[in-house]
Amino acid sequence: MKKSKNVMTIRVPEELKERIERFSLLQGVSINQFALYSFTKELAELESNQFFRNELKSNKKELLKKFDNIMLSVPERKNPEWDELK
């Protein structure tokens, strides 16, 4: 089954348009492909941030307790010499 495609026209400042054109050329893809990738990547990041914010709001105490337990399970060890303050 073929997915239908929609057309979306956006207005961008000239400088941004030039940057988009330059990076799509460097990537060897069309402006459309570059824009789709960029939109998809940014939306995924925004959705992930929202998910974790909601999780933190609803389970903050439980999440912090789990984090503390994990940190307590890490064994003590001496810092390597290159990582010491001098």
C-alpha atoms as a PDB file:
ATOM      1  CA  MET A   1       0.000   0.000   0.000  1.00  0.00           C
ATOM      2  CA  LYS A   2       1.443   3.333  -1.041  1.00  0.00           C
ATOM      3  CA  LYS A   3       1.513   6.084   1.573  1.00  0.00           C
ATOM      4  CA  SER A   4       0.033   9.390   0.553  1.00  0.00           C
ATOM      5  CA  LYS A   5       2.331  12.384   0.688  1.00  0.00           C
ATOM      6  CA  ASN A   6       1.383  15.844   1.785  1.00  0.00           C
ATOM      7  CA  VAL A   7       2.917  19.102   0.696  1.00  0.00           C
ATOM      8  CA  MET A   8       3.914  21.597   3.358  1.00  0.00           C
ATOM      9  CA  THR A   9       5.241  25.018   2.479  1.00  0.00           C
ATOM     10  CA  ILE A  10       7.273  26.838   5.100  1.00  0.00           C
ATOM     11  CA  ARG A  11       8.841  30.263   5.129  1.00  0.00           C
ATOM     12  CA  VAL A  12      12.413  30.475   6.367  1.00  0.00           C
ATOM     13  CA  PRO A  13      14.905  33.320   6.535  1.00  0.00           C
ATOM     14  CA  GLU A  14      17.305  33.479   3.579  1.00  0.00           C
ATOM     15  CA  GLU A  15      20.298  32.616   5.775  1.00  0.00           C
ATOM     16  CA  LEU A  16      18.591  29.433   7.033  1.00  0.00           C
ATOM     17  CA  LYS A  17      17.630  28.473   3.476  1.00  0.00           C
ATOM     18  CA  GLU A  18      21.256  28.821   2.404  1.00  0.00           C
ATOM     19  CA  ARG A  19      22.428  26.708   5.344  1.00  0.00           C
ATOM     20  CA  ILE A  20      19.871  24.012   4.511  1.00  0.00           C
ATOM     21  CA  GLU A  21      20.958  24.008   0.871  1.00  0.00           C
ATOM     22  CA  ARG A  22      24.633  23.803   1.847  1.00  0.00           C
ATOM     23  CA  PHE A  23      24.169  20.916   4.262  1.00  0.00           C
ATOM     24  CA  SER A  24      21.883  18.955   1.964  1.00  0.00           C
ATOM     25  CA  LEU A  25      24.506  19.309  -0.766  1.00  0.00           C
ATOM     26  CA  LEU A  26      27.261  18.155   1.639  1.00  0.00           C
ATOM     27  CA  GLN A  27      25.123  15.155   2.612  1.00  0.00           C
ATOM     28  CA  GLY A  28      24.379  14.360  -1.021  1.00  0.00           C
ATOM     29  CA  VAL A  29      20.617  14.458  -0.531  1.00  0.00           C
ATOM     30  CA  SER A  30      17.801  16.672  -1.722  1.00  0.00           C
ATOM     31  CA  ILE A  31      16.625  19.601   0.366  1.00  0.00           C
ATOM     32  CA  ASN A  32      13.399  17.670   0.927  1.00  0.00           C
ATOM     33  CA  GLN A  33      15.232  14.598   2.260  1.00  0.00           C
ATOM     34  CA  PHE A  34      17.414  16.760   4.488  1.00  0.00           C
ATOM     35  CA  ALA A  35      14.365  18.606   5.840  1.00  0.00           C
ATOM     36  CA  LEU A  36      12.520  15.328   6.513  1.00  0.00           C
ATOM     37  CA  TYR A  37      15.537  13.956   8.380  1.00  0.00           C
ATOM     38  CA  SER A  38      15.962  17.173  10.384  1.00  0.00           C
ATOM     39  CA  PHE A  39      12.278  17.419  11.320  1.00  0.00           C
ATOM     40  CA  THR A  40      12.136  13.738  12.260  1.00  0.00           C
ATOM     41  CA  LYS A  41      15.281  13.933  14.394  1.00  0.00           C
ATOM     42  CA  GLU A  42      14.164  17.056  16.241  1.00  0.00           C
ATOM     43  CA  LEU A  43      10.661  15.700  16.851  1.00  0.00           C
ATOM     44  CA  ALA A  44      12.127  12.466  18.247  1.00  0.00           C
ATOM     45  CA  GLU A  45      14.269  14.485  20.653  1.00  0.00           C
ATOM     46  CA  LEU A  46      11.322  16.629  21.742  1.00  0.00           C
ATOM     47  CA  GLU A  47       9.135  13.552  22.274  1.00  0.00           C
ATOM     48  CA  SER A  48      11.889  11.818  24.266  1.00  0.00           C
ATOM     49  CA  ASN A  49      12.368  14.887  26.453  1.00  0.00           C
ATOM     50  CA  GLN A  50       8.636  15.086  27.080  1.00  0.00           C
ATOM     51  CA  PHE A  51       8.486  11.378  27.936  1.00  0.00           C
ATOM     52  CA  PHE A  52      11.294  11.667  30.488  1.00  0.00           C
ATOM     53  CA  ARG A  53       9.848  14.851  31.987  1.00  0.00           C
ATOM     54  CA  ASN A  54       6.525  13.078  32.487  1.00  0.00           C
ATOM     55  CA  GLU A  55       8.264  10.030  33.975  1.00  0.00           C
ATOM     56  CA  LEU A  56      10.232  12.230  36.342  1.00  0.00           C
ATOM     57  CA  LYS A  57       7.091  14.074  37.438  1.00  0.00           C
ATOM     58  CA  SER A  58       5.159  10.908  38.177  1.00  0.00           C
ATOM     59  CA  ASN A  59       7.940   8.673  39.530  1.00  0.00           C
ATOM     60  CA  LYS A  60      10.574  11.069  40.850  1.00  0.00           C
ATOM     61  CA  LYS A  61      11.093   9.408  44.248  1.00  0.00           C
ATOM     62  CA  GLU A  62      11.170   5.901  42.785  1.00  0.00           C
ATOM     63  CA  LEU A  63      13.554   6.916  39.989  1.00  0.00           C
ATOM     64  CA  LEU A  64      15.908   8.663  42.421  1.00  0.00           C
ATOM     65  CA  LYS A  65      15.879   5.622  44.698  1.00  0.00           C
ATOM     66  CA  LYS A  66      16.764   3.345  41.762  1.00  0.00           C
ATOM     67  CA  PHE A  67      19.521   5.736  40.725  1.00  0.00           C
ATOM     68  CA  ASP A  68      20.947   5.784  44.251  1.00  0.00           C
ATOM     69  CA  ASN A  69      20.904   1.968  44.372  1.00  0.00           C
ATOM     70  CA  ILE A  70      22.760   1.754  41.096  1.00  0.00           C
ATOM     71  CA  MET A  71      25.351   4.282  42.241  1.00  0.00           C
ATOM     72  CA  LEU A  72      25.826   2.401  45.519  1.00  0.00           C
ATOM     73  CA  SER A  73      26.503  -0.801  43.583  1.00  0.00           C
ATOM     74  CA  VAL A  74      29.500   0.757  41.798  1.00  0.00           C
ATOM     75  CA  PRO A  75      32.651  -0.401  43.601  1.00  0.00           C
ATOM     76  CA  GLU A  76      35.071   2.159  45.061  1.00  0.00           C
ATOM     77  CA  ARG A  77      38.276   2.472  43.122  1.00  0.00           C
ATOM     78  CA  LYS A  78      41.261   4.733  43.036  1.00  0.00           C
ATOM     79  CA  ASN A  79      41.392   7.331  40.288  1.00  0.00           C
ATOM     80  CA  PRO A  80      44.057   6.733  37.663  1.00  0.00           C
ATOM     81  CA  GLU A  81      47.124   8.933  38.068  1.00  0.00           C
ATOM     82  CA  TRP A  82      46.275  10.945  34.944  1.00  0.00           C
ATOM     83  CA  ASP A  83      42.916  11.853  36.504  1.00  0.00           C
ATOM     84  CA  GLU A  84      44.344  13.220  39.782  1.00  0.00           C
ATOM     85  CA  LEU A  85      44.343  16.907  40.625  1.00  0.00           C
ATOM     86  CA  LYS A  86      47.863  18.296  40.915  1.00  0.00           C
END
